[in-house]
Amino acid sequence: MKFWRFIAAGTLFACLFVLGLMGVIPHAPAAQINQTADYTVRFTVDATGPGDRIVTVDLTPTGATSSAIDRVVIVPTMPLDGMAAAIIPARPTTPGRYVATGVQCAMAGVWNLAVEISAGGKEETTHFTVTLQ
């Protein structure tokens, strides 16, 4: 009897693994990292499907940056279709971490998500590309 349970559990695990590889089971994409003049920007999106997404941005100063961050916003655009969605402010959750909820990526496809950082009167922007399925 234990043998059949082992076989059933192994089969279930194999099926879930294959479905995950095929993209049937949603998963979060890997983090992306870019540099601006003053920050290392680590960017993650909560899932790979279209809809309202949660974007997390981690900012690490790269040098002697002493200005407090005034504002971080996410600007989503879909270059192929010329779509633009609402600019969403990212709220600080812990020092250096900003979370934007409700980032509207309505369609499947390639999205450009710009992260705009305002600190000490200086504006910096970096771009991340996300493919939603």
N, C-alpha and C. Protein backbone atom coordinates (compact mmCIF):
# COMPACT_ATOMS: atom_id res chain seq x y z
N MET A 1 0.82 -1.20 0.00
CA MET A 1 0.00 0.00 0.00
C MET A 1 0.87 1.27 0.00
N LYS A 2 1.96 1.26 0.79
CA LYS A 2 2.85 2.42 0.83
C LYS A 2 3.49 2.66 -0.53
N PHE A 3 3.75 1.57 -1.25
CA PHE A 3 4.36 1.69 -2.57
C PHE A 3 3.47 2.51 -3.49
N TRP A 4 2.18 2.25 -3.51
CA TRP A 4 1.26 2.97 -4.40
C TRP A 4 1.13 4.44 -4.00
N ARG A 5 1.18 4.72 -2.70
CA ARG A 5 1.17 6.13 -2.27
C ARG A 5 2.40 6.85 -2.76
N PHE A 6 3.53 6.18 -2.70
CA PHE A 6 4.77 6.75 -3.19
C PHE A 6 4.68 7.03 -4.69
N ILE A 7 4.16 6.09 -5.45
CA ILE A 7 3.99 6.26 -6.90
C ILE A 7 3.04 7.42 -7.20
N ALA A 8 1.91 7.48 -6.47
CA ALA A 8 0.93 8.56 -6.68
C ALA A 8 1.54 9.92 -6.35
N ALA A 9 2.27 10.01 -5.25
CA ALA A 9 2.90 11.28 -4.87
C ALA A 9 3.95 11.69 -5.90
N GLY A 10 4.73 10.75 -6.38
CA GLY A 10 5.74 11.04 -7.39
C GLY A 10 5.11 11.49 -8.70
N THR A 11 4.03 10.86 -9.10
CA THR A 11 3.32 11.26 -10.32
C THR A 11 2.74 12.66 -10.19
N LEU A 12 2.14 12.96 -9.05
CA LEU A 12 1.59 14.29 -8.82
C LEU A 12 2.69 15.35 -8.87
N PHE A 13 3.81 15.08 -8.23
CA PHE A 13 4.93 16.02 -8.24
C PHE A 13 5.42 16.24 -9.67
N ALA A 14 5.56 15.18 -10.45
CA ALA A 14 6.04 15.29 -11.83
C ALA A 14 5.08 16.12 -12.67
N CYS A 15 3.76 15.90 -12.50
CA CYS A 15 2.76 16.66 -13.26
C CYS A 15 2.83 18.15 -12.90
N LEU A 16 2.92 18.46 -11.62
CA LEU A 16 3.00 19.86 -11.20
C LEU A 16 4.28 20.52 -11.72
N PHE A 17 5.37 19.78 -11.72
CA PHE A 17 6.63 20.30 -12.23
C PHE A 17 6.52 20.63 -13.72
N VAL A 18 5.96 19.72 -14.51
CA VAL A 18 5.80 19.93 -15.95
C VAL A 18 4.86 21.10 -16.22
N LEU A 19 3.74 21.18 -15.49
CA LEU A 19 2.81 22.29 -15.67
C LEU A 19 3.48 23.62 -15.33
N GLY A 20 4.30 23.63 -14.30
CA GLY A 20 5.03 24.85 -13.95
C GLY A 20 5.99 25.26 -15.05
N LEU A 21 6.68 24.31 -15.66
CA LEU A 21 7.59 24.61 -16.76
C LEU A 21 6.85 25.14 -17.97
N MET A 22 5.64 24.63 -18.20
CA MET A 22 4.84 25.06 -19.35
C MET A 22 4.19 26.42 -19.12
N GLY A 23 4.23 26.92 -17.90
CA GLY A 23 3.63 28.21 -17.61
C GLY A 23 2.16 28.13 -17.26
N VAL A 24 1.63 26.92 -17.09
CA VAL A 24 0.22 26.76 -16.74
C VAL A 24 -0.02 27.20 -15.31
N ILE A 25 0.93 26.90 -14.43
CA ILE A 25 0.84 27.34 -13.05
C ILE A 25 1.58 28.67 -12.96
N PRO A 26 0.89 29.76 -12.60
CA PRO A 26 1.57 31.06 -12.56
C PRO A 26 2.70 31.08 -11.54
N HIS A 27 3.74 31.80 -11.88
CA HIS A 27 4.86 31.96 -10.95
C HIS A 27 5.40 33.37 -11.11
N ALA A 28 6.08 33.81 -10.10
CA ALA A 28 6.66 35.16 -10.14
C ALA A 28 7.92 35.14 -11.00
N PRO A 29 8.10 36.14 -11.84
CA PRO A 29 9.33 36.21 -12.63
C PRO A 29 10.53 36.53 -11.74
N ALA A 30 11.69 36.26 -12.26
CA ALA A 30 12.91 36.53 -11.50
C ALA A 30 13.12 38.04 -11.35
N ALA A 31 13.82 38.40 -10.31
CA ALA A 31 14.15 39.81 -10.08
C ALA A 31 15.09 40.30 -11.18
N GLN A 32 14.96 41.58 -11.51
CA GLN A 32 15.84 42.23 -12.46
C GLN A 32 16.59 43.34 -11.71
N ILE A 33 17.82 43.60 -12.13
CA ILE A 33 18.62 44.62 -11.46
C ILE A 33 19.20 45.58 -12.51
N ASN A 34 19.04 46.88 -12.26
CA ASN A 34 19.61 47.94 -13.09
C ASN A 34 20.36 48.92 -12.20
N GLN A 35 21.18 49.74 -12.83
CA GLN A 35 21.92 50.80 -12.13
C GLN A 35 21.44 52.16 -12.63
N THR A 36 21.33 53.10 -11.73
CA THR A 36 21.20 54.51 -12.11
C THR A 36 22.48 55.19 -11.63
N ALA A 37 22.54 56.48 -11.75
CA ALA A 37 23.74 57.19 -11.29
C ALA A 37 23.95 57.01 -9.78
N ASP A 38 22.86 56.97 -9.02
CA ASP A 38 22.98 56.94 -7.56
C ASP A 38 22.47 55.67 -6.88
N TYR A 39 21.81 54.77 -7.63
CA TYR A 39 21.17 53.61 -6.98
C TYR A 39 21.35 52.33 -7.78
N THR A 40 21.43 51.23 -7.04
CA THR A 40 21.20 49.91 -7.62
C THR A 40 19.72 49.64 -7.41
N VAL A 41 19.01 49.31 -8.48
CA VAL A 41 17.57 49.14 -8.43
C VAL A 41 17.24 47.68 -8.70
N ARG A 42 16.65 47.03 -7.70
CA ARG A 42 16.20 45.63 -7.84
C ARG A 42 14.69 45.67 -8.00
N PHE A 43 14.19 45.00 -9.04
CA PHE A 43 12.80 45.12 -9.46
C PHE A 43 12.16 43.74 -9.55
N THR A 44 10.99 43.57 -8.94
CA THR A 44 10.25 42.31 -9.08
C THR A 44 8.77 42.60 -9.28
N VAL A 45 8.13 41.71 -10.03
CA VAL A 45 6.68 41.75 -10.26
C VAL A 45 6.11 40.48 -9.65
N ASP A 46 4.90 40.57 -9.08
CA ASP A 46 4.35 39.45 -8.32
C ASP A 46 3.95 38.24 -9.16
N ALA A 47 3.64 38.40 -10.45
CA ALA A 47 3.21 37.26 -11.26
C ALA A 47 3.45 37.56 -12.73
N THR A 48 3.29 36.53 -13.57
CA THR A 48 3.58 36.68 -15.00
C THR A 48 2.34 36.86 -15.86
N GLY A 49 1.17 36.98 -15.25
CA GLY A 49 -0.05 37.15 -16.03
C GLY A 49 -0.48 38.60 -16.10
N PRO A 50 -1.33 38.93 -17.10
CA PRO A 50 -1.85 40.30 -17.18
C PRO A 50 -2.80 40.59 -16.03
N GLY A 51 -3.04 41.87 -15.79
CA GLY A 51 -3.94 42.28 -14.71
C GLY A 51 -3.25 43.29 -13.82
N ASP A 52 -3.84 43.53 -12.67
CA ASP A 52 -3.23 44.45 -11.70
C ASP A 52 -2.08 43.73 -11.00
N ARG A 53 -0.90 44.25 -11.17
CA ARG A 53 0.31 43.63 -10.63
C ARG A 53 0.80 44.40 -9.42
N ILE A 54 1.58 43.71 -8.61
CA ILE A 54 2.28 44.33 -7.48
C ILE A 54 3.76 44.37 -7.85
N VAL A 55 4.34 45.57 -7.83
CA VAL A 55 5.74 45.75 -8.17
C VAL A 55 6.51 46.14 -6.92
N THR A 56 7.61 45.46 -6.68
CA THR A 56 8.48 45.77 -5.54
C THR A 56 9.81 46.30 -6.08
N VAL A 57 10.24 47.42 -5.53
CA VAL A 57 11.49 48.05 -5.93
C VAL A 57 12.37 48.20 -4.69
N ASP A 58 13.58 47.65 -4.76
CA ASP A 58 14.56 47.81 -3.69
C ASP A 58 15.65 48.74 -4.19
N LEU A 59 15.90 49.81 -3.45
CA LEU A 59 16.91 50.81 -3.84
C LEU A 59 18.08 50.76 -2.87
N THR A 60 19.27 50.61 -3.42
CA THR A 60 20.50 50.64 -2.63
C THR A 60 21.38 51.75 -3.16
N PRO A 61 21.73 52.73 -2.33
CA PRO A 61 22.62 53.80 -2.79
C PRO A 61 23.95 53.23 -3.26
N THR A 62 24.48 53.76 -4.36
CA THR A 62 25.74 53.24 -4.91
C THR A 62 26.95 54.04 -4.46
N GLY A 63 26.72 55.21 -3.92
CA GLY A 63 27.86 56.04 -3.51
C GLY A 63 27.52 56.85 -2.29
N ALA A 64 27.91 58.10 -2.35
CA ALA A 64 27.71 58.99 -1.20
C ALA A 64 26.36 59.70 -1.28
N THR A 65 25.35 59.02 -1.77
CA THR A 65 24.02 59.61 -1.86
C THR A 65 23.47 59.82 -0.46
N SER A 66 23.20 61.09 -0.13
CA SER A 66 22.69 61.36 1.21
C SER A 66 21.27 61.90 1.19
N SER A 67 20.73 62.17 0.01
CA SER A 67 19.39 62.72 -0.09
C SER A 67 18.34 61.66 0.22
N ALA A 68 17.34 62.05 0.98
CA ALA A 68 16.22 61.17 1.24
C ALA A 68 15.40 61.04 -0.04
N ILE A 69 14.87 59.87 -0.26
CA ILE A 69 14.06 59.65 -1.46
C ILE A 69 12.70 60.30 -1.23
N ASP A 70 12.34 61.20 -2.14
CA ASP A 70 11.07 61.90 -2.04
C ASP A 70 9.92 61.12 -2.65
N ARG A 71 10.21 60.40 -3.76
CA ARG A 71 9.13 59.76 -4.48
C ARG A 71 9.68 58.67 -5.39
N VAL A 72 8.93 57.55 -5.48
CA VAL A 72 9.21 56.49 -6.44
C VAL A 72 7.89 56.17 -7.12
N VAL A 73 7.88 56.18 -8.45
CA VAL A 73 6.67 55.85 -9.19
C VAL A 73 6.99 54.82 -10.26
N ILE A 74 5.95 54.05 -10.63
CA ILE A 74 6.05 53.06 -11.69
C ILE A 74 5.23 53.57 -12.87
N VAL A 75 5.84 53.58 -14.07
CA VAL A 75 5.18 54.05 -15.28
C VAL A 75 5.11 52.90 -16.28
N PRO A 76 3.95 52.23 -16.38
CA PRO A 76 3.83 51.10 -17.30
C PRO A 76 3.43 51.54 -18.72
N THR A 77 4.13 51.00 -19.71
CA THR A 77 3.76 51.20 -21.11
C THR A 77 3.92 49.88 -21.86
N MET A 78 3.12 49.72 -22.90
CA MET A 78 3.23 48.56 -23.78
C MET A 78 3.65 49.08 -25.15
N PRO A 79 4.94 49.07 -25.46
CA PRO A 79 5.45 49.73 -26.66
C PRO A 79 4.82 49.25 -27.97
N LEU A 80 4.59 47.95 -28.12
CA LEU A 80 4.05 47.44 -29.38
C LEU A 80 2.67 47.98 -29.69
N ASP A 81 1.82 48.11 -28.68
CA ASP A 81 0.46 48.58 -28.91
C ASP A 81 0.28 50.06 -28.59
N GLY A 82 1.34 50.71 -28.13
CA GLY A 82 1.24 52.12 -27.79
C GLY A 82 0.36 52.38 -26.58
N MET A 83 0.18 51.35 -25.74
CA MET A 83 -0.65 51.51 -24.55
C MET A 83 0.15 52.10 -23.40
N ALA A 84 -0.51 52.92 -22.64
CA ALA A 84 0.08 53.44 -21.41
C ALA A 84 -0.96 53.29 -20.31
N ALA A 85 -0.53 52.95 -19.14
CA ALA A 85 -1.43 52.80 -18.00
C ALA A 85 -1.13 53.91 -17.00
N ALA A 86 -1.95 53.96 -15.98
CA ALA A 86 -1.80 55.00 -14.95
C ALA A 86 -0.44 54.89 -14.25
N ILE A 87 0.13 56.04 -13.94
CA ILE A 87 1.36 56.10 -13.16
C ILE A 87 0.99 55.77 -11.72
N ILE A 88 1.70 54.82 -11.13
CA ILE A 88 1.37 54.33 -9.79
C ILE A 88 2.50 54.67 -8.82
N PRO A 89 2.18 55.37 -7.73
CA PRO A 89 3.22 55.64 -6.73
C PRO A 89 3.59 54.36 -5.97
N ALA A 90 4.86 54.22 -5.67
CA ALA A 90 5.33 53.11 -4.85
C ALA A 90 5.52 53.64 -3.43
N ARG A 91 4.96 52.97 -2.48
CA ARG A 91 5.01 53.39 -1.08
C ARG A 91 6.15 52.69 -0.35
N PRO A 92 6.86 53.43 0.51
CA PRO A 92 7.93 52.78 1.28
C PRO A 92 7.34 51.81 2.30
N THR A 93 7.93 50.62 2.37
CA THR A 93 7.48 49.62 3.36
C THR A 93 8.55 49.38 4.42
N THR A 94 9.79 49.38 4.01
CA THR A 94 10.95 49.29 4.91
C THR A 94 12.02 50.18 4.29
N PRO A 95 13.06 50.53 5.02
CA PRO A 95 14.10 51.38 4.41
C PRO A 95 14.65 50.77 3.12
N GLY A 96 14.52 51.53 2.03
CA GLY A 96 15.03 51.09 0.75
C GLY A 96 14.07 50.26 -0.08
N ARG A 97 12.93 49.86 0.48
CA ARG A 97 11.96 49.03 -0.25
C ARG A 97 10.69 49.83 -0.50
N TYR A 98 10.24 49.78 -1.77
CA TYR A 98 9.03 50.49 -2.19
C TYR A 98 8.13 49.50 -2.91
N VAL A 99 6.82 49.56 -2.61
CA VAL A 99 5.86 48.64 -3.21
C VAL A 99 4.75 49.43 -3.87
N ALA A 100 4.48 49.10 -5.13
CA ALA A 100 3.39 49.71 -5.88
C ALA A 100 2.33 48.64 -6.12
N THR A 101 1.11 48.88 -5.68
CA THR A 101 0.02 47.92 -5.91
C THR A 101 -0.92 48.48 -6.98
N GLY A 102 -1.54 47.58 -7.72
CA GLY A 102 -2.48 48.01 -8.74
C GLY A 102 -1.82 48.54 -10.01
N VAL A 103 -0.61 48.07 -10.31
CA VAL A 103 0.05 48.47 -11.56
C VAL A 103 -0.70 47.75 -12.69
N GLN A 104 -1.36 48.51 -13.53
CA GLN A 104 -2.27 47.95 -14.52
C GLN A 104 -1.54 47.55 -15.80
N CYS A 105 -1.47 46.24 -15.99
CA CYS A 105 -0.92 45.67 -17.22
C CYS A 105 -2.04 44.80 -17.79
N ALA A 106 -2.93 45.42 -18.56
CA ALA A 106 -4.20 44.81 -18.93
C ALA A 106 -4.10 43.67 -19.93
N MET A 107 -3.05 43.66 -20.74
CA MET A 107 -2.96 42.66 -21.80
C MET A 107 -1.69 41.83 -21.67
N ALA A 108 -1.76 40.62 -22.22
CA ALA A 108 -0.56 39.80 -22.32
C ALA A 108 0.37 40.44 -23.34
N GLY A 109 1.66 40.30 -23.13
CA GLY A 109 2.65 40.83 -24.06
C GLY A 109 3.81 41.46 -23.32
N VAL A 110 4.61 42.20 -24.06
CA VAL A 110 5.82 42.83 -23.50
C VAL A 110 5.45 44.21 -22.95
N TRP A 111 5.80 44.44 -21.69
CA TRP A 111 5.55 45.71 -21.01
C TRP A 111 6.88 46.33 -20.60
N ASN A 112 6.97 47.63 -20.75
CA ASN A 112 8.10 48.39 -20.26
C ASN A 112 7.63 49.08 -18.97
N LEU A 113 8.27 48.78 -17.87
CA LEU A 113 7.91 49.39 -16.59
C LEU A 113 9.07 50.28 -16.17
N ALA A 114 8.85 51.59 -16.26
CA ALA A 114 9.87 52.54 -15.86
C ALA A 114 9.75 52.80 -14.36
N VAL A 115 10.88 52.88 -13.68
CA VAL A 115 10.93 53.25 -12.28
C VAL A 115 11.54 54.64 -12.22
N GLU A 116 10.75 55.62 -11.76
CA GLU A 116 11.22 56.99 -11.63
C GLU A 116 11.48 57.29 -10.16
N ILE A 117 12.70 57.75 -9.87
CA ILE A 117 13.12 58.02 -8.50
C ILE A 117 13.41 59.51 -8.38
N SER A 118 12.79 60.15 -7.39
CA SER A 118 13.04 61.57 -7.10
C SER A 118 13.68 61.67 -5.73
N ALA A 119 14.85 62.31 -5.67
CA ALA A 119 15.54 62.48 -4.40
C ALA A 119 16.38 63.75 -4.45
N GLY A 120 16.17 64.62 -3.48
CA GLY A 120 16.98 65.83 -3.38
C GLY A 120 16.93 66.71 -4.61
N GLY A 121 15.78 66.77 -5.27
CA GLY A 121 15.64 67.59 -6.46
C GLY A 121 16.19 66.95 -7.73
N LYS A 122 16.68 65.73 -7.63
CA LYS A 122 17.24 65.03 -8.78
C LYS A 122 16.29 63.91 -9.20
N GLU A 123 16.10 63.74 -10.50
CA GLU A 123 15.24 62.68 -11.05
C GLU A 123 16.11 61.64 -11.75
N GLU A 124 15.84 60.37 -11.46
CA GLU A 124 16.53 59.29 -12.16
C GLU A 124 15.48 58.28 -12.61
N THR A 125 15.70 57.70 -13.79
CA THR A 125 14.75 56.72 -14.34
C THR A 125 15.52 55.52 -14.86
N THR A 126 14.98 54.35 -14.60
CA THR A 126 15.51 53.13 -15.19
C THR A 126 14.32 52.31 -15.70
N HIS A 127 14.57 51.49 -16.71
CA HIS A 127 13.50 50.75 -17.36
C HIS A 127 13.69 49.24 -17.21
N PHE A 128 12.58 48.55 -17.01
CA PHE A 128 12.58 47.10 -16.91
C PHE A 128 11.57 46.55 -17.92
N THR A 129 11.88 45.43 -18.53
CA THR A 129 10.98 44.80 -19.48
C THR A 129 10.43 43.53 -18.86
N VAL A 130 9.10 43.39 -18.93
CA VAL A 130 8.42 42.22 -18.37
C VAL A 130 7.50 41.66 -19.45
N THR A 131 7.56 40.35 -19.66
CA THR A 131 6.66 39.69 -20.60
C THR A 131 5.58 38.98 -19.80
N LEU A 132 4.33 39.40 -20.03
CA LEU A 132 3.19 38.80 -19.35
C LEU A 132 2.47 37.87 -20.32
N GLN A 133 2.06 36.71 -19.80
CA GLN A 133 1.44 35.70 -20.67
C GLN A 133 0.00 35.49 -20.30
